[in-house]
Amino acid sequence: MTLKSAGHVVARAVEGRPAESVVRAFGQACSSEGAPGPGDTVVLALSGGLDSTALFHLMRFAWPATHPAPRLVAAHFDHRMRRSSRADARWVRGLAAAWDIELAEGVADAPLRSEAEARDARYAFLGDVAERHGGATVVTAHHADDQAETVLFRVLRGTGSGGLRGIRAVHADGLWRPLLRSWREELLDYANAVGLGWRDDPTNVDLGYARNALRHRILPDVERLVAPGARRSLVRLSERAARDEEAWDSLLPSLIASLAPEWDARGVRLDRVPLAALHPAVRARVLRALMLELGLRPDARRTRLAVDFAASAESGRSIDLGDGVTLRRDLERLTLARADESLTKRDRPLVIPGLSSGTGEAVLAGRVVWVGWGEEVTGRATSVERFVGGELRFPLAMRAWEPGDRMRTSAGSRKLKRIFLEARIPAPERRAVPVLADAEGEVLWIPGVARSKVATARSGDGVAESLPIGVA
């Protein structure tokens, strides 16, 4: 059967059924801005469940004839979180072979322990597969129900208006989600209409996971007791939020231009008076955009500091926004800039010579990092990891990252550059992120970001075998 004739079979199978909307929405996604084009390669995250199997079938057999299909590669990652995972991998392997699609497989070195750990390992694997295929687009099967759950989860965590847009159909990190306009019940009807099989994951009904609690308990109760149609309302909310964010994106360039900005290698200078005259919420948008340009993550605290400073600070004053970025007022000009780049030349790593306890300070891009190890790890530490002392190669060094650094994780050997990208740490900030490396230069830990599987101390390890290391 040719791909064209297969498309006709799909059309006949779903004609007049709810599943017909799935094919229509998928076709629109394939022709929308940001969709992969002819000659591109896409890496499809294929778990073997209903959602990803339905998307696999759509990608393989229902790509619109009006748009040349990209090259398709399937990718399956075994998290080893349940006994049936090997059987899932075998099933996916058979499906890919039957549909004549290349399959990349990955497996965790050890069973992963949490939903977050599984997600990080999976996306690390998908990123590696995409990198091996020349920076291919990664495609996932997130659908409208996922969007509703994501928006509600973010609301409950107190997100800002930007977070209400939820999952993006096209993401700057090279992700594409063509099913966001389709509901899970429509995907189920599609799968049944075209005769698909799939693998059910029993963990999807475990209410110990936040996503499952929202899906199976909270949202159904909300729709039954409070607001019928809440899922669709949450998706509409995400669409309105996305339009609002796009509107702001269209206005910000002219707003910034009205402040007479002067850019140089370190940052930007701009007129304070018109900035201070803006509504505080608009002022916050402008300053957040400028901080992003400098590679600074503008969290709520930094934004609030900058907004208040721009309106009320006296001339000659400055504030440290963190990560080597300062905001200064000189007469009626504000300067938002990175610290002097020469600071990176005065980096001072900290050496941990052996198992004996101690404390010290490392200096990274002008930032002082307190380090304690052994019995000296106190309540001062903001991030702590434990290592098996007998497996460490001393001396250890708390230092800045270096090009070529890699870390061995449950998803394989990973470049730190890729880890920083996935953690959304901008390039200008990376020199100030502490990195713990052993005597051979192998990276063991990036506090607050990731850790190696090397010398991992388990909760049952005794004090003698375990070496805690903390930073602040």
Protein backbone atom coordinates (compact mmCIF):
# COMPACT_ATOMS: atom_id res chain seq x y z
CA MET A 1 0.00 0.00 0.00
CA THR A 2 1.41 3.40 -0.97
CA LEU A 3 1.34 6.32 1.43
CA LYS A 4 -1.22 8.06 -0.79
CA SER A 5 -3.55 5.06 -0.88
CA ALA A 6 -3.08 4.61 2.88
CA GLY A 7 -4.28 8.17 3.32
CA HIS A 8 -7.45 7.34 1.39
CA VAL A 9 -8.01 4.31 3.66
CA VAL A 10 -7.66 6.53 6.72
CA ALA A 11 -10.11 9.07 5.28
CA ARG A 12 -12.72 6.38 4.57
CA ALA A 13 -12.28 4.82 8.02
CA VAL A 14 -12.95 8.05 9.92
CA GLU A 15 -15.51 9.69 7.62
CA GLY A 16 -18.57 10.75 9.58
CA ARG A 17 -17.01 9.83 12.94
CA PRO A 18 -15.70 12.08 15.75
CA ALA A 19 -12.25 10.89 14.69
CA GLU A 20 -12.62 12.88 11.46
CA SER A 21 -11.83 16.04 13.45
CA VAL A 22 -8.48 14.51 14.47
CA VAL A 23 -7.38 14.12 10.85
CA ARG A 24 -8.61 17.62 10.01
CA ALA A 25 -6.83 19.22 13.01
CA PHE A 26 -3.66 17.25 12.25
CA GLY A 27 -3.69 18.46 8.64
CA GLN A 28 -4.05 22.06 9.81
CA ALA A 29 -1.12 21.61 12.20
CA CYS A 30 1.04 20.21 9.39
CA SER A 31 0.45 23.36 7.31
CA SER A 32 0.81 25.86 10.15
CA GLU A 33 3.83 28.05 10.85
CA GLY A 34 6.62 26.15 12.56
CA ALA A 35 5.62 22.73 11.25
CA PRO A 36 8.43 20.61 9.76
CA GLY A 37 8.82 20.86 6.02
CA PRO A 38 10.01 18.63 3.17
CA GLY A 39 13.56 17.45 3.73
CA ASP A 40 13.31 17.92 7.50
CA THR A 41 13.65 15.05 9.95
CA VAL A 42 11.26 14.63 12.86
CA VAL A 43 11.84 12.44 15.92
CA LEU A 44 8.55 11.11 17.30
CA ALA A 45 8.44 10.25 21.01
CA LEU A 46 6.76 6.84 20.87
CA SER A 47 5.83 5.26 24.21
CA GLY A 48 3.43 2.73 22.70
CA GLY A 49 0.43 4.24 24.49
CA LEU A 50 -2.76 5.38 22.82
CA ASP A 51 -1.71 9.01 22.25
CA SER A 52 1.72 8.46 20.74
CA THR A 53 0.59 5.43 18.70
CA ALA A 54 -2.28 7.46 17.20
CA LEU A 55 0.16 10.25 16.35
CA PHE A 56 2.57 7.71 14.85
CA HIS A 57 -0.22 6.46 12.59
CA LEU A 58 -1.17 10.00 11.58
CA MET A 59 2.45 10.89 10.81
CA ARG A 60 2.93 7.70 8.80
CA PHE A 61 -0.37 7.40 6.96
CA ALA A 62 -2.37 10.64 7.18
CA TRP A 63 0.13 13.37 6.35
CA PRO A 64 -1.72 15.78 3.99
CA ALA A 65 -0.95 15.16 0.34
CA THR A 66 -0.62 18.92 -0.25
CA HIS A 67 2.52 19.08 1.93
CA PRO A 68 5.51 16.78 1.32
CA ALA A 69 6.08 14.71 4.43
CA PRO A 70 9.30 15.04 6.44
CA ARG A 71 11.50 12.06 7.22
CA LEU A 72 10.17 10.24 10.28
CA VAL A 73 12.23 8.59 13.03
CA ALA A 74 10.54 7.00 16.06
CA ALA A 75 12.22 7.09 19.48
CA HIS A 76 11.34 4.93 22.48
CA PHE A 77 12.82 5.33 25.97
CA ASP A 78 12.45 2.62 28.61
CA HIS A 79 12.29 4.26 32.06
CA ARG A 80 12.43 0.85 33.80
CA MET A 81 9.76 2.03 36.23
CA ARG A 82 7.56 -1.07 35.86
CA ARG A 83 7.93 -4.73 34.96
CA SER A 84 6.09 -4.48 31.64
CA SER A 85 8.44 -1.84 30.21
CA ARG A 86 10.53 -4.40 28.32
CA ALA A 87 7.40 -5.79 26.72
CA ASP A 88 6.44 -2.23 25.72
CA ALA A 89 9.82 -1.81 24.04
CA ARG A 90 9.40 -5.07 22.11
CA TRP A 91 5.91 -4.04 21.00
CA VAL A 92 7.12 -0.64 19.78
CA ARG A 93 10.02 -2.33 17.98
CA GLY A 94 7.58 -4.57 16.12
CA LEU A 95 5.29 -1.66 15.23
CA ALA A 96 8.13 0.43 13.81
CA ALA A 97 9.36 -2.54 11.77
CA ALA A 98 5.85 -3.24 10.45
CA TRP A 99 5.47 0.38 9.34
CA ASP A 100 9.02 0.53 7.96
CA ILE A 101 10.17 3.39 10.21
CA GLU A 102 13.59 3.74 11.79
CA LEU A 103 13.48 3.33 15.58
CA ALA A 104 15.95 4.73 18.10
CA GLU A 105 15.85 3.05 21.51
CA GLY A 106 17.13 4.14 24.89
CA VAL A 107 16.95 2.63 28.35
CA ALA A 108 17.64 4.03 31.81
CA ASP A 109 20.71 2.56 33.51
CA ALA A 110 18.66 2.09 36.67
CA PRO A 111 14.90 2.28 37.37
CA LEU A 112 13.89 5.93 37.55
CA ARG A 113 12.18 7.00 40.77
CA SER A 114 9.88 9.91 39.97
CA GLU A 115 7.77 11.51 37.27
CA ALA A 116 10.19 14.45 37.04
CA GLU A 117 13.23 12.19 36.80
CA ALA A 118 11.56 10.15 34.07
CA ARG A 119 10.62 13.26 32.11
CA ASP A 120 14.16 14.69 32.33
CA ALA A 121 15.73 11.41 31.22
CA ARG A 122 13.24 11.02 28.37
CA TYR A 123 13.79 14.51 27.00
CA ALA A 124 17.54 14.12 27.35
CA PHE A 125 17.31 10.95 25.23
CA LEU A 126 15.06 12.63 22.65
CA GLY A 127 17.46 15.56 22.46
CA ASP A 128 20.36 13.19 21.80
CA VAL A 129 18.43 11.41 19.03
CA ALA A 130 17.51 14.76 17.46
CA GLU A 131 21.14 15.89 17.67
CA ARG A 132 22.32 12.70 15.95
CA HIS A 133 19.91 13.50 13.13
CA GLY A 134 21.21 17.00 12.56
CA GLY A 135 19.05 18.96 14.97
CA ALA A 136 15.77 17.30 14.06
CA THR A 137 12.40 18.45 15.38
CA VAL A 138 11.08 16.42 18.33
CA VAL A 139 7.35 15.60 18.06
CA THR A 140 5.24 14.68 21.08
CA ALA A 141 1.61 13.58 21.37
CA HIS A 142 0.39 16.19 23.87
CA HIS A 143 -3.32 16.83 23.25
CA ALA A 144 -6.10 19.13 24.45
CA ASP A 145 -6.64 17.24 27.73
CA ASP A 146 -2.93 17.65 28.51
CA GLN A 147 -3.29 21.37 27.81
CA ALA A 148 -6.24 21.73 30.21
CA GLU A 149 -4.39 19.84 32.94
CA THR A 150 -1.23 21.90 32.45
CA VAL A 151 -3.09 25.21 32.70
CA LEU A 152 -4.93 24.12 35.85
CA PHE A 153 -1.70 22.85 37.42
CA ARG A 154 0.00 26.17 36.74
CA VAL A 155 -2.95 28.12 38.10
CA LEU A 156 -2.78 26.12 41.32
CA ARG A 157 0.95 26.92 41.58
CA GLY A 158 0.34 30.65 41.12
CA THR A 159 1.67 31.14 37.60
CA GLY A 160 1.92 34.53 35.92
CA SER A 161 -0.12 35.39 32.86
CA GLY A 162 2.56 34.01 30.56
CA GLY A 163 2.25 30.58 32.18
CA LEU A 164 -1.46 30.46 31.33
CA ARG A 165 -0.64 29.89 27.69
CA GLY A 166 0.24 26.34 28.70
CA ILE A 167 1.88 23.98 26.22
CA ARG A 168 3.07 25.61 23.03
CA ALA A 169 2.41 23.92 19.72
CA VAL A 170 5.81 25.04 18.49
CA HIS A 171 8.59 25.65 21.00
CA ALA A 172 11.92 27.39 20.55
CA ASP A 173 13.68 24.26 21.85
CA GLY A 174 12.68 22.39 18.67
CA LEU A 175 9.49 20.73 19.95
CA TRP A 176 6.34 20.34 17.86
CA ARG A 177 2.95 19.24 19.23
CA PRO A 178 0.42 18.80 16.41
CA LEU A 179 -2.39 17.25 18.51
CA LEU A 180 -3.15 20.14 20.87
CA ARG A 181 -6.53 20.75 19.21
CA SER A 182 -7.64 17.14 19.61
CA TRP A 183 -9.20 15.58 22.71
CA ARG A 184 -8.23 12.19 24.06
CA GLU A 185 -11.69 10.76 23.39
CA GLU A 186 -11.29 11.78 19.73
CA LEU A 187 -7.89 10.07 19.59
CA LEU A 188 -9.47 6.95 21.07
CA ASP A 189 -12.16 6.99 18.39
CA TYR A 190 -9.50 7.51 15.72
CA ALA A 191 -7.46 4.56 16.97
CA ASN A 192 -10.52 2.31 16.99
CA ALA A 193 -11.61 3.50 13.55
CA VAL A 194 -8.30 2.61 11.89
CA GLY A 195 -7.84 -0.58 13.91
CA LEU A 196 -4.89 0.44 16.05
CA GLY A 197 -3.60 -1.43 19.08
CA TRP A 198 -1.59 0.16 21.85
CA ARG A 199 -0.03 -0.52 25.25
CA ASP A 200 -1.77 0.64 28.43
CA ASP A 201 0.48 2.04 31.16
CA PRO A 202 -0.90 1.08 34.61
CA THR A 203 0.91 4.02 36.22
CA ASN A 204 -1.43 6.37 34.34
CA VAL A 205 -4.12 5.69 36.94
CA ASP A 206 -1.85 6.04 39.98
CA LEU A 207 -3.18 9.09 41.88
CA GLY A 208 0.21 9.50 43.52
CA TYR A 209 1.26 11.42 40.41
CA ALA A 210 0.05 15.03 40.22
CA ARG A 211 -0.97 14.73 36.56
CA ASN A 212 -3.09 11.66 37.26
CA ALA A 213 -4.77 13.30 40.25
CA LEU A 214 -5.77 16.23 38.06
CA ARG A 215 -6.96 13.97 35.23
CA HIS A 216 -8.87 11.32 37.17
CA ARG A 217 -10.01 13.08 40.33
CA ILE A 218 -9.83 16.88 40.40
CA LEU A 219 -11.01 17.84 36.91
CA PRO A 220 -13.87 15.32 36.84
CA ASP A 221 -15.04 16.62 40.25
CA VAL A 222 -14.80 20.22 39.01
CA GLU A 223 -16.84 19.42 35.92
CA ARG A 224 -19.41 17.43 37.93
CA LEU A 225 -19.79 19.80 40.88
CA VAL A 226 -18.61 23.26 39.84
CA ALA A 227 -18.20 24.03 36.14
CA PRO A 228 -19.37 21.63 33.40
CA GLY A 229 -17.03 21.94 30.45
CA ALA A 230 -14.10 23.09 32.62
CA ARG A 231 -11.56 21.33 30.38
CA ARG A 232 -12.67 23.25 27.31
CA SER A 233 -12.73 26.48 29.31
CA LEU A 234 -9.14 25.91 30.42
CA VAL A 235 -8.05 25.34 26.83
CA ARG A 236 -9.83 28.55 25.77
CA LEU A 237 -8.04 30.34 28.60
CA SER A 238 -4.69 29.09 27.26
CA GLU A 239 -5.59 30.32 23.77
CA ARG A 240 -6.55 33.76 25.07
CA ALA A 241 -3.36 33.94 27.12
CA ALA A 242 -1.29 32.97 24.07
CA ARG A 243 -2.94 35.76 22.03
CA ASP A 244 -2.28 38.25 24.82
CA GLU A 245 1.39 37.22 24.97
CA GLU A 246 1.67 37.55 21.20
CA ALA A 247 0.13 41.02 21.46
CA TRP A 248 2.68 42.03 24.08
CA ASP A 249 5.48 40.63 21.91
CA SER A 250 4.30 42.86 19.06
CA LEU A 251 4.21 45.99 21.26
CA LEU A 252 7.43 45.59 23.23
CA PRO A 253 9.87 46.54 20.42
CA SER A 254 8.23 49.95 19.96
CA LEU A 255 7.97 50.49 23.72
CA ILE A 256 11.68 49.76 24.14
CA ALA A 257 12.55 51.96 21.14
CA SER A 258 10.71 54.87 22.81
CA LEU A 259 13.23 54.72 25.68
CA ALA A 260 16.18 55.63 23.41
CA PRO A 261 18.14 52.45 24.17
CA GLU A 262 21.89 52.33 23.56
CA TRP A 263 23.33 48.82 23.42
CA ASP A 264 26.94 47.78 23.85
CA ALA A 265 28.78 44.53 24.57
CA ARG A 266 27.79 44.58 28.26
CA GLY A 267 24.18 45.73 28.18
CA VAL A 268 21.83 48.64 27.49
CA ARG A 269 21.34 52.25 28.63
CA LEU A 270 17.91 53.86 28.38
CA ASP A 271 15.88 56.90 29.45
CA ARG A 272 14.49 56.51 32.96
CA VAL A 273 11.70 59.13 32.93
CA PRO A 274 9.48 57.58 30.23
CA LEU A 275 10.10 54.12 31.69
CA ALA A 276 9.10 55.28 35.18
CA ALA A 277 5.95 56.88 33.73
CA LEU A 278 4.68 53.54 32.45
CA HIS A 279 2.17 51.54 34.45
CA PRO A 280 4.16 49.21 36.75
CA ALA A 281 2.85 46.13 34.91
CA VAL A 282 3.98 47.56 31.56
CA ARG A 283 7.30 48.63 33.09
CA ALA A 284 7.73 45.05 34.30
CA ARG A 285 7.16 43.71 30.78
CA VAL A 286 9.80 46.04 29.35
CA LEU A 287 12.38 45.24 32.01
CA ARG A 288 11.75 41.50 31.75
CA ALA A 289 12.30 41.67 27.99
CA LEU A 290 15.59 43.54 28.51
CA MET A 291 16.76 41.09 31.15
CA LEU A 292 16.00 38.21 28.80
CA GLU A 293 18.13 39.90 26.14
CA LEU A 294 21.02 39.80 28.62
CA GLY A 295 20.44 36.13 29.35
CA LEU A 296 19.01 36.73 32.84
CA ARG A 297 16.00 34.71 34.00
CA PRO A 298 13.58 37.43 35.17
CA ASP A 299 11.80 35.75 38.07
CA ALA A 300 9.26 37.59 40.21
CA ARG A 301 11.81 38.82 42.75
CA ARG A 302 14.21 40.24 40.15
CA THR A 303 11.37 41.84 38.22
CA ARG A 304 9.95 43.49 41.33
CA LEU A 305 13.37 44.87 42.31
CA ALA A 306 13.96 46.29 38.84
CA VAL A 307 10.46 47.81 38.56
CA ASP A 308 10.73 49.58 41.93
CA PHE A 309 14.32 50.72 41.32
CA ALA A 310 13.51 52.23 37.92
CA ALA A 311 10.76 54.38 39.45
CA SER A 312 12.32 55.55 42.71
CA ALA A 313 16.10 55.03 42.93
CA GLU A 314 18.37 58.02 43.43
CA SER A 315 21.05 58.92 40.91
CA GLY A 316 24.32 57.10 41.51
CA ARG A 317 22.64 54.04 43.06
CA SER A 318 22.71 50.51 41.67
CA ILE A 319 21.27 47.12 42.56
CA ASP A 320 22.54 43.61 41.92
CA LEU A 321 19.93 41.52 40.10
CA GLY A 322 22.04 38.39 40.44
CA ASP A 323 24.07 36.30 38.03
CA GLY A 324 26.40 39.19 37.27
CA VAL A 325 23.71 41.65 36.10
CA THR A 326 23.24 45.09 37.68
CA LEU A 327 20.78 47.95 37.22
CA ARG A 328 22.18 51.45 37.81
CA ARG A 329 20.79 55.00 37.68
CA ASP A 330 22.98 57.91 36.57
CA LEU A 331 20.96 61.13 36.39
CA GLU A 332 18.04 60.26 34.07
CA ARG A 333 19.64 57.25 32.41
CA LEU A 334 19.39 53.64 33.56
CA THR A 335 22.03 51.04 32.74
CA LEU A 336 21.17 47.35 32.75
CA ALA A 337 24.42 45.46 32.21
CA ARG A 338 26.43 42.35 32.87
CA ALA A 339 29.35 42.52 35.24
CA ASP A 340 32.77 43.28 33.83
CA GLU A 341 33.79 40.28 31.71
CA SER A 342 37.27 40.46 33.24
CA LEU A 343 35.72 38.98 36.41
CA THR A 344 35.66 35.59 34.72
CA LYS A 345 39.44 35.79 34.41
CA ARG A 346 39.66 35.95 38.21
CA ASP A 347 37.70 32.74 38.81
CA ARG A 348 38.97 30.82 41.83
CA PRO A 349 37.88 27.17 42.07
CA LEU A 350 37.66 25.42 45.44
CA VAL A 351 39.53 22.16 45.98
CA ILE A 352 38.18 19.37 48.22
CA PRO A 353 41.33 17.33 48.98
CA GLY A 354 39.77 14.26 50.58
CA LEU A 355 37.18 12.83 52.94
CA SER A 356 38.04 15.13 55.87
CA SER A 357 35.36 17.72 56.59
CA GLY A 358 35.85 21.34 55.62
CA THR A 359 34.47 24.56 54.16
CA GLY A 360 35.67 27.14 51.67
CA GLU A 361 34.62 29.52 48.93
CA ALA A 362 34.81 29.38 45.16
CA VAL A 363 34.62 32.52 43.01
CA LEU A 364 32.84 32.09 39.67
CA ALA A 365 32.25 35.05 37.33
CA GLY A 366 32.50 37.37 40.32
CA ARG A 367 30.04 35.35 42.40
CA VAL A 368 31.18 33.89 45.73
CA VAL A 369 29.94 30.31 46.29
CA TRP A 370 30.18 28.84 49.81
CA VAL A 371 31.04 25.13 49.84
CA GLY A 372 30.94 22.73 52.79
CA TRP A 373 31.57 19.00 52.94
CA GLY A 374 31.46 16.19 55.46
CA GLU A 375 30.35 17.27 58.92
CA GLU A 376 30.66 20.93 57.89
CA VAL A 377 27.52 20.76 55.75
CA THR A 378 25.16 22.86 57.86
CA GLY A 379 21.81 24.56 57.51
CA ARG A 380 23.60 27.24 55.51
CA ALA A 381 23.71 25.01 52.44
CA THR A 382 20.90 25.65 49.95
CA SER A 383 21.70 22.54 47.88
CA VAL A 384 23.21 19.27 49.15
CA GLU A 385 24.15 15.99 47.48
CA ARG A 386 25.62 12.83 48.99
CA PHE A 387 28.35 10.75 47.38
CA VAL A 388 29.97 7.40 48.20
CA GLY A 389 33.33 8.59 49.49
CA GLY A 390 35.19 5.41 48.61
CA GLU A 391 34.21 5.75 44.94
CA LEU A 392 35.37 9.36 44.51
CA ARG A 393 38.61 10.29 42.78
CA PHE A 394 40.18 13.06 44.85
CA PRO A 395 40.89 15.92 44.78
CA LEU A 396 37.49 17.27 43.79
CA ALA A 397 37.04 20.79 42.45
CA MET A 398 34.07 23.15 42.64
CA ARG A 399 34.65 25.23 39.53
CA ALA A 400 33.05 26.88 36.52
CA TRP A 401 31.98 24.73 33.58
CA GLU A 402 34.35 24.29 30.68
CA PRO A 403 33.64 23.56 27.00
CA GLY A 404 33.62 19.81 26.47
CA ASP A 405 32.46 18.98 30.02
CA ARG A 406 30.21 15.92 30.15
CA MET A 407 28.20 14.13 32.82
CA ARG A 408 27.18 10.49 33.05
CA THR A 409 23.43 10.37 33.78
CA SER A 410 20.74 7.70 33.70
CA ALA A 411 20.12 8.77 30.09
CA GLY A 412 23.79 8.29 29.09
CA SER A 413 26.76 10.63 28.78
CA ARG A 414 25.50 14.19 28.37
CA LYS A 415 27.23 17.41 27.38
CA LEU A 416 26.85 20.09 30.02
CA LYS A 417 25.90 22.51 27.26
CA ARG A 418 22.86 20.34 26.49
CA ILE A 419 22.00 20.03 30.20
CA PHE A 420 22.16 23.81 30.60
CA LEU A 421 19.93 24.26 27.54
CA GLU A 422 17.34 21.82 28.90
CA ALA A 423 17.45 23.60 32.28
CA ARG A 424 16.90 26.88 30.38
CA ILE A 425 20.06 28.48 31.79
CA PRO A 426 21.11 31.21 29.33
CA ALA A 427 24.68 31.20 28.06
CA PRO A 428 25.75 34.39 29.93
CA GLU A 429 24.73 32.80 33.26
CA ARG A 430 26.54 29.50 32.86
CA ARG A 431 29.96 30.74 33.98
CA ALA A 432 28.47 31.50 37.40
CA VAL A 433 26.93 28.03 37.85
CA PRO A 434 29.13 25.87 40.13
CA VAL A 435 30.24 22.50 38.78
CA LEU A 436 31.73 19.71 40.92
CA ALA A 437 34.36 17.66 39.06
CA ASP A 438 36.69 14.88 40.18
CA ALA A 439 40.45 14.50 39.67
CA GLU A 440 39.90 13.15 36.15
CA GLY A 441 37.74 16.11 35.17
CA GLU A 442 34.50 14.09 35.20
CA VAL A 443 31.53 16.22 36.26
CA LEU A 444 29.70 14.79 39.27
CA TRP A 445 27.18 17.48 40.15
CA ILE A 446 25.69 20.78 39.00
CA PRO A 447 23.95 22.08 42.15
CA GLY A 448 20.28 22.69 41.59
CA VAL A 449 20.48 21.38 38.02
CA ALA A 450 21.69 17.77 37.66
CA ARG A 451 23.95 15.11 39.13
CA SER A 452 25.95 12.22 37.77
CA LYS A 453 25.16 8.59 38.43
CA VAL A 454 28.79 8.19 39.58
CA ALA A 455 29.35 7.52 43.31
CA THR A 456 25.64 7.87 44.07
CA ALA A 457 24.93 7.52 47.78
CA ARG A 458 21.68 5.74 48.59
CA SER A 459 19.51 6.50 51.60
CA GLY A 460 20.70 3.30 53.28
CA ASP A 461 24.40 4.12 53.02
CA GLY A 462 26.11 4.57 56.38
CA VAL A 463 27.71 7.83 57.46
CA ALA A 464 31.19 6.40 56.92
CA GLU A 465 30.51 5.66 53.25
CA SER A 466 28.55 8.84 52.52
CA LEU A 467 30.18 12.24 51.88
CA PRO A 468 27.67 15.10 51.82
CA ILE A 469 28.65 18.22 49.86
CA GLY A 470 26.63 21.45 50.03
CA VAL A 471 26.73 24.90 48.43
CA ALA A 472 25.16 28.26 49.19
